[in-house]
Amino acid sequence: KNIMALLLLEASEGKLLTVCTNGVDETQALAEMIGLIEDNFGET
């Protein structure tokens, strides 16, 4: 939820990102976030 923190990850093409979710809607949050990464961040 922090754009600056995300940019500091320096995740270039080919890097593996691990998504960790914790809370009441963690399963859906994990599925949608992984889907977004695998879908090229929604960029066609």
All heavy atoms as atom14 arrays in JSON, in Angstrom:
{
  "sequence": "KNIMALLLLEASEGKLLTVCTNGVDETQALAEMIGLIEDNFGET",
  "atom14_mask": [
    [1, 1, 1, 1, 1, 1, 1, 1, 1, 0, 0, 0, 0, 0],
    [1, 1, 1, 1, 1, 1, 1, 1, 0, 0, 0, 0, 0, 0],
    [1, 1, 1, 1, 1, 1, 1, 1, 0, 0, 0, 0, 0, 0],
    [1, 1, 1, 1, 1, 1, 1, 1, 0, 0, 0, 0, 0, 0],
    [1, 1, 1, 1, 1, 0, 0, 0, 0, 0, 0, 0, 0, 0],
    [1, 1, 1, 1, 1, 1, 1, 1, 0, 0, 0, 0, 0, 0],
    [1, 1, 1, 1, 1, 1, 1, 1, 0, 0, 0, 0, 0, 0],
    [1, 1, 1, 1, 1, 1, 1, 1, 0, 0, 0, 0, 0, 0],
    [1, 1, 1, 1, 1, 1, 1, 1, 0, 0, 0, 0, 0, 0],
    [1, 1, 1, 1, 1, 1, 1, 1, 1, 0, 0, 0, 0, 0],
    [1, 1, 1, 1, 1, 0, 0, 0, 0, 0, 0, 0, 0, 0],
    [1, 1, 1, 1, 1, 1, 0, 0, 0, 0, 0, 0, 0, 0],
    [1, 1, 1, 1, 1, 1, 1, 1, 1, 0, 0, 0, 0, 0],
    [1, 1, 1, 1, 0, 0, 0, 0, 0, 0, 0, 0, 0, 0],
    [1, 1, 1, 1, 1, 1, 1, 1, 1, 0, 0, 0, 0, 0],
    [1, 1, 1, 1, 1, 1, 1, 1, 0, 0, 0, 0, 0, 0],
    [1, 1, 1, 1, 1, 1, 1, 1, 0, 0, 0, 0, 0, 0],
    [1, 1, 1, 1, 1, 1, 1, 0, 0, 0, 0, 0, 0, 0],
    [1, 1, 1, 1, 1, 1, 1, 0, 0, 0, 0, 0, 0, 0],
    [1, 1, 1, 1, 1, 1, 0, 0, 0, 0, 0, 0, 0, 0],
    [1, 1, 1, 1, 1, 1, 1, 0, 0, 0, 0, 0, 0, 0],
    [1, 1, 1, 1, 1, 1, 1, 1, 0, 0, 0, 0, 0, 0],
    [1, 1, 1, 1, 0, 0, 0, 0, 0, 0, 0, 0, 0, 0],
    [1, 1, 1, 1, 1, 1, 1, 0, 0, 0, 0, 0, 0, 0],
    [1, 1, 1, 1, 1, 1, 1, 1, 0, 0, 0, 0, 0, 0],
    [1, 1, 1, 1, 1, 1, 1, 1, 1, 0, 0, 0, 0, 0],
    [1, 1, 1, 1, 1, 1, 1, 0, 0, 0, 0, 0, 0, 0],
    [1, 1, 1, 1, 1, 1, 1, 1, 1, 0, 0, 0, 0, 0],
    [1, 1, 1, 1, 1, 0, 0, 0, 0, 0, 0, 0, 0, 0],
    [1, 1, 1, 1, 1, 1, 1, 1, 0, 0, 0, 0, 0, 0],
    [1, 1, 1, 1, 1, 0, 0, 0, 0, 0, 0, 0, 0, 0],
    [1, 1, 1, 1, 1, 1, 1, 1, 1, 0, 0, 0, 0, 0],
    [1, 1, 1, 1, 1, 1, 1, 1, 0, 0, 0, 0, 0, 0],
    [1, 1, 1, 1, 1, 1, 1, 1, 0, 0, 0, 0, 0, 0],
    [1, 1, 1, 1, 0, 0, 0, 0, 0, 0, 0, 0, 0, 0],
    [1, 1, 1, 1, 1, 1, 1, 1, 0, 0, 0, 0, 0, 0],
    [1, 1, 1, 1, 1, 1, 1, 1, 0, 0, 0, 0, 0, 0],
    [1, 1, 1, 1, 1, 1, 1, 1, 1, 0, 0, 0, 0, 0],
    [1, 1, 1, 1, 1, 1, 1, 1, 0, 0, 0, 0, 0, 0],
    [1, 1, 1, 1, 1, 1, 1, 1, 0, 0, 0, 0, 0, 0],
    [1, 1, 1, 1, 1, 1, 1, 1, 1, 1, 1, 0, 0, 0],
    [1, 1, 1, 1, 0, 0, 0, 0, 0, 0, 0, 0, 0, 0],
    [1, 1, 1, 1, 1, 1, 1, 1, 1, 0, 0, 0, 0, 0],
    [1, 1, 1, 1, 1, 1, 1, 0, 0, 0, 0, 0, 0, 0]
  ],
  "atom14_positions": [
    [[0.82, -1.21, 0.0], [0.0, 0.0, 0.0], [0.86, 1.27, 0.0], [0.35, 2.37, 0.13], [-0.94, -0.02, 1.21], [-1.92, -1.2, 1.15], [-2.79, -1.32, 2.37], [-3.67, -2.57, 2.26], [-4.51, -2.77, 3.43], [0.0, 0.0, 0.0], [0.0, 0.0, 0.0], [0.0, 0.0, 0.0], [0.0, 0.0, 0.0], [0.0, 0.0, 0.0]],
    [[2.18, 1.1, -0.18], [3.13, 2.21, -0.15], [3.94, 2.23, -1.44], [4.83, 1.41, -1.63], [4.04, 2.05, 1.07], [5.04, 3.17, 1.22], [5.56, 3.71, 0.25], [5.33, 3.51, 2.46], [0.0, 0.0, 0.0], [0.0, 0.0, 0.0], [0.0, 0.0, 0.0], [0.0, 0.0, 0.0], [0.0, 0.0, 0.0], [0.0, 0.0, 0.0]],
    [[3.65, 3.17, -2.32], [4.27, 3.19, -3.64], [5.79, 3.37, -3.57], [6.53, 2.73, -4.32], [3.61, 4.25, -4.55], [4.04, 4.03, -6.0], [3.93, 5.65, -4.08], [3.19, 4.78, -7.01], [0.0, 0.0, 0.0], [0.0, 0.0, 0.0], [0.0, 0.0, 0.0], [0.0, 0.0, 0.0], [0.0, 0.0, 0.0], [0.0, 0.0, 0.0]],
    [[6.27, 4.2, -2.68], [7.72, 4.41, -2.59], [8.43, 3.13, -2.13], [9.49, 2.79, -2.64], [8.05, 5.56, -1.64], [7.66, 6.92, -2.2], [8.37, 7.27, -3.84], [10.11, 7.29, -3.47], [0.0, 0.0, 0.0], [0.0, 0.0, 0.0], [0.0, 0.0, 0.0], [0.0, 0.0, 0.0], [0.0, 0.0, 0.0], [0.0, 0.0, 0.0]],
    [[7.84, 2.43, -1.18], [8.43, 1.18, -0.71], [8.48, 0.15, -1.85], [9.47, -0.58, -1.99], [7.63, 0.63, 0.47], [0.0, 0.0, 0.0], [0.0, 0.0, 0.0], [0.0, 0.0, 0.0], [0.0, 0.0, 0.0], [0.0, 0.0, 0.0], [0.0, 0.0, 0.0], [0.0, 0.0, 0.0], [0.0, 0.0, 0.0], [0.0, 0.0, 0.0]],
    [[7.44, 0.12, -2.67], [7.42, -0.81, -3.8], [8.53, -0.49, -4.79], [9.21, -1.4, -5.29], [6.06, -0.77, -4.5], [4.9, -1.36, -3.72], [3.58, -1.04, -4.43], [5.06, -2.88, -3.56], [0.0, 0.0, 0.0], [0.0, 0.0, 0.0], [0.0, 0.0, 0.0], [0.0, 0.0, 0.0], [0.0, 0.0, 0.0], [0.0, 0.0, 0.0]],
    [[8.73, 0.77, -5.09], [9.78, 1.15, -6.03], [11.17, 0.8, -5.51], [12.05, 0.44, -6.28], [9.68, 2.64, -6.35], [8.44, 3.05, -7.14], [8.35, 4.57, -7.25], [8.43, 2.41, -8.51], [0.0, 0.0, 0.0], [0.0, 0.0, 0.0], [0.0, 0.0, 0.0], [0.0, 0.0, 0.0], [0.0, 0.0, 0.0], [0.0, 0.0, 0.0]],
    [[11.34, 0.84, -4.2], [12.63, 0.5, -3.6], [12.93, -1.0, -3.63], [14.06, -1.41, -3.34], [12.72, 1.04, -2.17], [12.78, 2.56, -2.06], [12.68, 3.02, -0.62], [14.06, 3.1, -2.7], [0.0, 0.0, 0.0], [0.0, 0.0, 0.0], [0.0, 0.0, 0.0], [0.0, 0.0, 0.0], [0.0, 0.0, 0.0], [0.0, 0.0, 0.0]],
    [[11.95, -1.81, -4.02], [12.2, -3.25, -4.16], [13.16, -3.54, -5.31], [13.8, -4.57, -5.33], [10.89, -4.01, -4.41], [9.97, -4.22, -3.23], [8.69, -4.91, -3.69], [10.65, -5.04, -2.15], [0.0, 0.0, 0.0], [0.0, 0.0, 0.0], [0.0, 0.0, 0.0], [0.0, 0.0, 0.0], [0.0, 0.0, 0.0], [0.0, 0.0, 0.0]],
    [[13.19, -2.62, -6.29], [14.05, -2.79, -7.46], [13.82, -4.16, -8.11], [14.76, -4.91, -8.39], [15.52, -2.61, -7.1], [15.83, -1.24, -6.56], [17.25, -1.08, -6.09], [17.98, -2.08, -5.98], [17.65, 0.06, -5.83], [0.0, 0.0, 0.0], [0.0, 0.0, 0.0], [0.0, 0.0, 0.0], [0.0, 0.0, 0.0], [0.0, 0.0, 0.0]],
    [[12.57, -4.48, -8.39], [12.19, -5.78, -8.96], [12.2, -5.68, -10.48], [11.23, -5.28, -11.11], [10.82, -6.21, -8.45], [0.0, 0.0, 0.0], [0.0, 0.0, 0.0], [0.0, 0.0, 0.0], [0.0, 0.0, 0.0], [0.0, 0.0, 0.0], [0.0, 0.0, 0.0], [0.0, 0.0, 0.0], [0.0, 0.0, 0.0], [0.0, 0.0, 0.0]],
    [[13.3, -6.05, -11.08], [13.43, -6.01, -12.53], [12.84, -7.27, -13.15], [12.49, -8.23, -12.45], [14.9, -5.85, -12.92], [15.66, -6.9, -12.37], [0.0, 0.0, 0.0], [0.0, 0.0, 0.0], [0.0, 0.0, 0.0], [0.0, 0.0, 0.0], [0.0, 0.0, 0.0], [0.0, 0.0, 0.0], [0.0, 0.0, 0.0], [0.0, 0.0, 0.0]],
    [[12.75, -7.27, -14.47], [12.22, -8.43, -15.2], [12.99, -9.69, -14.8], [14.2, -9.69, -14.69], [12.34, -8.21, -16.7], [11.8, -9.37, -17.52], [11.95, -9.17, -19.01], [12.82, -8.38, -19.43], [11.21, -9.81, -19.76], [0.0, 0.0, 0.0], [0.0, 0.0, 0.0], [0.0, 0.0, 0.0], [0.0, 0.0, 0.0], [0.0, 0.0, 0.0]],
    [[12.24, -10.76, -14.56], [12.83, -12.04, -14.2], [12.95, -12.29, -12.71], [13.15, -13.42, -12.28], [0.0, 0.0, 0.0], [0.0, 0.0, 0.0], [0.0, 0.0, 0.0], [0.0, 0.0, 0.0], [0.0, 0.0, 0.0], [0.0, 0.0, 0.0], [0.0, 0.0, 0.0], [0.0, 0.0, 0.0], [0.0, 0.0, 0.0], [0.0, 0.0, 0.0]],
    [[12.82, -11.24, -11.89], [12.91, -11.4, -10.44], [11.67, -12.1, -9.91], [10.58, -11.99, -10.45], [13.04, -10.04, -9.74], [14.3, -9.31, -10.06], [15.49, -9.95, -9.39], [16.74, -9.13, -9.65], [17.89, -9.67, -8.97], [0.0, 0.0, 0.0], [0.0, 0.0, 0.0], [0.0, 0.0, 0.0], [0.0, 0.0, 0.0], [0.0, 0.0, 0.0]],
    [[11.86, -12.82, -8.82], [10.74, -13.47, -8.14], [10.25, -12.57, -7.02], [11.05, -12.12, -6.19], [11.16, -14.82, -7.56], [11.45, -15.91, -8.56], [11.99, -17.15, -7.85], [10.19, -16.27, -9.34], [0.0, 0.0, 0.0], [0.0, 0.0, 0.0], [0.0, 0.0, 0.0], [0.0, 0.0, 0.0], [0.0, 0.0, 0.0], [0.0, 0.0, 0.0]],
    [[8.96, -12.28, -7.01], [8.34, -11.52, -5.93], [7.5, -12.47, -5.09], [6.69, -13.23, -5.64], [7.43, -10.42, -6.48], [8.09, -9.2, -7.1], [7.02, -8.25, -7.63], [8.98, -8.5, -6.1], [0.0, 0.0, 0.0], [0.0, 0.0, 0.0], [0.0, 0.0, 0.0], [0.0, 0.0, 0.0], [0.0, 0.0, 0.0], [0.0, 0.0, 0.0]],
    [[7.7, -12.43, -3.8], [6.88, -13.22, -2.88], [5.83, -12.29, -2.3], [6.16, -11.21, -1.8], [7.72, -13.84, -1.77], [8.71, -14.68, -2.36], [6.86, -14.66, -0.82], [0.0, 0.0, 0.0], [0.0, 0.0, 0.0], [0.0, 0.0, 0.0], [0.0, 0.0, 0.0], [0.0, 0.0, 0.0], [0.0, 0.0, 0.0], [0.0, 0.0, 0.0]],
    [[4.58, -12.7, -2.38], [3.48, -11.93, -1.82], [3.06, -12.6, -0.51], [2.83, -13.81, -0.47], [2.28, -11.88, -2.79], [1.13, -11.08, -2.18], [2.7, -11.29, -4.12], [0.0, 0.0, 0.0], [0.0, 0.0, 0.0], [0.0, 0.0, 0.0], [0.0, 0.0, 0.0], [0.0, 0.0, 0.0], [0.0, 0.0, 0.0], [0.0, 0.0, 0.0]],
    [[2.99, -11.8, 0.56], [2.57, -12.28, 1.88], [1.33, -11.5, 2.29], [1.36, -10.27, 2.3], [3.66, -12.05, 2.92], [5.25, -12.71, 2.48], [0.0, 0.0, 0.0], [0.0, 0.0, 0.0], [0.0, 0.0, 0.0], [0.0, 0.0, 0.0], [0.0, 0.0, 0.0], [0.0, 0.0, 0.0], [0.0, 0.0, 0.0], [0.0, 0.0, 0.0]],
    [[0.27, -12.2, 2.61], [-0.96, -11.54, 3.04], [-1.34, -12.04, 4.43], [-1.09, -13.2, 4.77], [-2.12, -11.8, 2.06], [-2.34, -13.21, 1.95], [-1.82, -11.22, 0.69], [0.0, 0.0, 0.0], [0.0, 0.0, 0.0], [0.0, 0.0, 0.0], [0.0, 0.0, 0.0], [0.0, 0.0, 0.0], [0.0, 0.0, 0.0], [0.0, 0.0, 0.0]],
    [[-1.96, -11.17, 5.2], [-2.38, -11.55, 6.54], [-3.6, -10.72, 6.93], [-3.53, -9.49, 6.92], [-1.24, -11.32, 7.54], [-1.53, -11.92, 8.89], [-2.4, -12.77, 9.03], [-0.81, -11.47, 9.9], [0.0, 0.0, 0.0], [0.0, 0.0, 0.0], [0.0, 0.0, 0.0], [0.0, 0.0, 0.0], [0.0, 0.0, 0.0], [0.0, 0.0, 0.0]],
    [[-4.71, -11.41, 7.22], [-5.92, -10.7, 7.63], [-7.17, -11.42, 7.19], [-7.13, -12.53, 6.68], [0.0, 0.0, 0.0], [0.0, 0.0, 0.0], [0.0, 0.0, 0.0], [0.0, 0.0, 0.0], [0.0, 0.0, 0.0], [0.0, 0.0, 0.0], [0.0, 0.0, 0.0], [0.0, 0.0, 0.0], [0.0, 0.0, 0.0], [0.0, 0.0, 0.0]],
    [[-8.29, -10.74, 7.36], [-9.6, -11.35, 7.12], [-9.84, -11.74, 5.67], [-10.55, -12.7, 5.4], [-10.75, -10.45, 7.63], [-10.7, -10.28, 9.13], [-10.73, -9.1, 6.94], [0.0, 0.0, 0.0], [0.0, 0.0, 0.0], [0.0, 0.0, 0.0], [0.0, 0.0, 0.0], [0.0, 0.0, 0.0], [0.0, 0.0, 0.0], [0.0, 0.0, 0.0]],
    [[-9.27, -11.01, 4.73], [-9.48, -11.31, 3.31], [-8.16, -11.71, 2.63], [-7.96, -11.47, 1.46], [-10.14, -10.14, 2.59], [-9.45, -8.8, 2.84], [-8.4, -8.78, 3.53], [-9.95, -7.77, 2.35], [0.0, 0.0, 0.0], [0.0, 0.0, 0.0], [0.0, 0.0, 0.0], [0.0, 0.0, 0.0], [0.0, 0.0, 0.0], [0.0, 0.0, 0.0]],
    [[-7.27, -12.35, 3.4], [-5.93, -12.69, 2.91], [-5.93, -13.61, 1.7], [-5.1, -13.46, 0.81], [-5.08, -13.29, 4.03], [-5.57, -14.6, 4.56], [-4.79, -15.1, 5.77], [-4.12, -14.31, 6.45], [-4.88, -16.31, 6.03], [0.0, 0.0, 0.0], [0.0, 0.0, 0.0], [0.0, 0.0, 0.0], [0.0, 0.0, 0.0], [0.0, 0.0, 0.0]],
    [[-6.85, -14.55, 1.64], [-6.87, -15.5, 0.52], [-7.19, -14.79, -0.78], [-6.51, -14.98, -1.79], [-7.87, -16.63, 0.79], [-7.5, -17.29, 2.01], [-7.89, -17.64, -0.33], [0.0, 0.0, 0.0], [0.0, 0.0, 0.0], [0.0, 0.0, 0.0], [0.0, 0.0, 0.0], [0.0, 0.0, 0.0], [0.0, 0.0, 0.0], [0.0, 0.0, 0.0]],
    [[-8.21, -13.95, -0.77], [-8.58, -13.21, -1.97], [-7.51, -12.19, -2.33], [-7.17, -12.02, -3.5], [-9.92, -12.51, -1.79], [-10.37, -11.78, -3.04], [-11.69, -11.05, -2.88], [-12.29, -11.04, -1.81], [-12.14, -10.41, -3.94], [0.0, 0.0, 0.0], [0.0, 0.0, 0.0], [0.0, 0.0, 0.0], [0.0, 0.0, 0.0], [0.0, 0.0, 0.0]],
    [[-6.94, -11.53, -1.34], [-5.88, -10.55, -1.59], [-4.68, -11.23, -2.24], [-4.11, -10.7, -3.21], [-5.47, -9.88, -0.28], [0.0, 0.0, 0.0], [0.0, 0.0, 0.0], [0.0, 0.0, 0.0], [0.0, 0.0, 0.0], [0.0, 0.0, 0.0], [0.0, 0.0, 0.0], [0.0, 0.0, 0.0], [0.0, 0.0, 0.0], [0.0, 0.0, 0.0]],
    [[-4.3, -12.39, -1.75], [-3.16, -13.11, -2.32], [-3.44, -13.51, -3.76], [-2.62, -13.28, -4.65], [-2.85, -14.36, -1.48], [-1.69, -15.21, -1.99], [-0.37, -14.46, -1.87], [-1.63, -16.52, -1.24], [0.0, 0.0, 0.0], [0.0, 0.0, 0.0], [0.0, 0.0, 0.0], [0.0, 0.0, 0.0], [0.0, 0.0, 0.0], [0.0, 0.0, 0.0]],
    [[-4.61, -14.08, -4.0], [-4.96, -14.53, -5.35], [-4.95, -13.36, -6.35], [-4.41, -13.47, -7.46], [-6.33, -15.21, -5.34], [0.0, 0.0, 0.0], [0.0, 0.0, 0.0], [0.0, 0.0, 0.0], [0.0, 0.0, 0.0], [0.0, 0.0, 0.0], [0.0, 0.0, 0.0], [0.0, 0.0, 0.0], [0.0, 0.0, 0.0], [0.0, 0.0, 0.0]],
    [[-5.53, -12.23, -5.96], [-5.61, -11.1, -6.88], [-4.25, -10.43, -7.1], [-3.93, -10.01, -8.21], [-6.65, -10.1, -6.4], [-8.06, -10.69, -6.54], [-9.16, -9.66, -6.43], [-8.94, -8.49, -6.8], [-10.25, -10.03, -5.97], [0.0, 0.0, 0.0], [0.0, 0.0, 0.0], [0.0, 0.0, 0.0], [0.0, 0.0, 0.0], [0.0, 0.0, 0.0]],
    [[-3.43, -10.37, -6.05], [-2.11, -9.76, -6.21], [-1.2, -10.64, -7.08], [-0.51, -10.13, -7.97], [-1.48, -9.54, -4.83], [-0.29, -8.64, -4.84], [-0.58, -6.94, -5.43], [-1.72, -6.31, -4.22], [0.0, 0.0, 0.0], [0.0, 0.0, 0.0], [0.0, 0.0, 0.0], [0.0, 0.0, 0.0], [0.0, 0.0, 0.0], [0.0, 0.0, 0.0]],
    [[-1.22, -11.93, -6.87], [-0.45, -12.85, -7.71], [-0.95, -12.76, -9.16], [-0.16, -12.71, -10.1], [-0.52, -14.3, -7.19], [0.27, -14.43, -5.87], [-0.02, -15.3, -8.22], [1.77, -14.28, -6.01], [0.0, 0.0, 0.0], [0.0, 0.0, 0.0], [0.0, 0.0, 0.0], [0.0, 0.0, 0.0], [0.0, 0.0, 0.0], [0.0, 0.0, 0.0]],
    [[-2.26, -12.72, -9.33], [-2.83, -12.59, -10.67], [-2.37, -11.32, -11.37], [-2.05, -11.34, -12.56], [0.0, 0.0, 0.0], [0.0, 0.0, 0.0], [0.0, 0.0, 0.0], [0.0, 0.0, 0.0], [0.0, 0.0, 0.0], [0.0, 0.0, 0.0], [0.0, 0.0, 0.0], [0.0, 0.0, 0.0], [0.0, 0.0, 0.0], [0.0, 0.0, 0.0]],
    [[-2.28, -10.22, -10.63], [-1.84, -8.95, -11.2], [-0.37, -9.04, -11.65], [-0.03, -8.6, -12.75], [-2.0, -7.83, -10.17], [-1.59, -6.43, -10.65], [-2.47, -5.97, -11.81], [-1.64, -5.45, -9.5], [0.0, 0.0, 0.0], [0.0, 0.0, 0.0], [0.0, 0.0, 0.0], [0.0, 0.0, 0.0], [0.0, 0.0, 0.0], [0.0, 0.0, 0.0]],
    [[0.46, -9.63, -10.83], [1.88, -9.77, -11.19], [2.03, -10.66, -12.41], [2.74, -10.33, -13.36], [2.69, -10.32, -10.0], [2.68, -9.33, -8.84], [4.13, -10.65, -10.43], [3.18, -9.89, -7.53], [0.0, 0.0, 0.0], [0.0, 0.0, 0.0], [0.0, 0.0, 0.0], [0.0, 0.0, 0.0], [0.0, 0.0, 0.0], [0.0, 0.0, 0.0]],
    [[1.32, -11.78, -12.41], [1.4, -12.72, -13.54], [0.79, -12.15, -14.81], [1.13, -12.58, -15.9], [0.74, -14.04, -13.16], [1.53, -14.81, -12.11], [0.86, -16.09, -11.66], [-0.38, -16.26, -11.89], [1.55, -16.93, -11.06], [0.0, 0.0, 0.0], [0.0, 0.0, 0.0], [0.0, 0.0, 0.0], [0.0, 0.0, 0.0], [0.0, 0.0, 0.0]],
    [[-0.11, -11.17, -14.66], [-0.75, -10.53, -15.81], [0.01, -9.27, -16.24], [-0.58, -8.35, -16.79], [-2.21, -10.19, -15.45], [-3.0, -9.71, -16.65], [-2.81, -10.21, -17.75], [-3.82, -8.78, -16.46], [0.0, 0.0, 0.0], [0.0, 0.0, 0.0], [0.0, 0.0, 0.0], [0.0, 0.0, 0.0], [0.0, 0.0, 0.0], [0.0, 0.0, 0.0]],
    [[1.31, -9.25, -15.97], [2.15, -8.14, -16.42], [1.7, -6.8, -15.84], [1.75, -5.77, -16.49], [2.17, -8.1, -17.94], [3.41, -7.49, -18.51], [4.47, -7.57, -17.91], [3.29, -6.87, -19.67], [0.0, 0.0, 0.0], [0.0, 0.0, 0.0], [0.0, 0.0, 0.0], [0.0, 0.0, 0.0], [0.0, 0.0, 0.0], [0.0, 0.0, 0.0]],
    [[1.19, -6.84, -14.58], [0.7, -5.65, -13.88], [-0.46, -4.99, -14.59], [-0.66, -3.78, -14.49], [1.83, -4.64, -13.64], [3.0, -5.21, -12.88], [4.24, -5.33, -13.49], [2.85, -5.62, -11.57], [5.32, -5.85, -12.8], [3.93, -6.15, -10.87], [5.17, -6.27, -11.49], [0.0, 0.0, 0.0], [0.0, 0.0, 0.0], [0.0, 0.0, 0.0]],
    [[-1.22, -5.77, -15.37], [-2.38, -5.23, -16.07], [-2.04, -4.47, -17.33], [-2.9, -3.87, -17.95], [0.0, 0.0, 0.0], [0.0, 0.0, 0.0], [0.0, 0.0, 0.0], [0.0, 0.0, 0.0], [0.0, 0.0, 0.0], [0.0, 0.0, 0.0], [0.0, 0.0, 0.0], [0.0, 0.0, 0.0], [0.0, 0.0, 0.0], [0.0, 0.0, 0.0]],
    [[-0.77, -4.48, -17.74], [-0.35, -3.79, -18.95], [-0.4, -4.77, -20.11], [0.19, -5.84, -20.05], [1.06, -3.24, -18.78], [1.14, -2.2, -17.68], [2.55, -1.68, -17.46], [3.45, -2.02, -18.24], [2.74, -0.94, -16.48], [0.0, 0.0, 0.0], [0.0, 0.0, 0.0], [0.0, 0.0, 0.0], [0.0, 0.0, 0.0], [0.0, 0.0, 0.0]],
    [[-1.12, -4.39, -21.16], [-1.24, -5.29, -22.31], [0.07, -5.4, -23.08], [0.39, -6.43, -23.62], [-2.38, -4.85, -23.25], [-2.15, -3.49, -23.62], [-3.72, -5.01, -22.58], [0.0, 0.0, 0.0], [0.0, 0.0, 0.0], [0.0, 0.0, 0.0], [0.0, 0.0, 0.0], [0.0, 0.0, 0.0], [0.0, 0.0, 0.0], [0.0, 0.0, 0.0]]
  ]
}
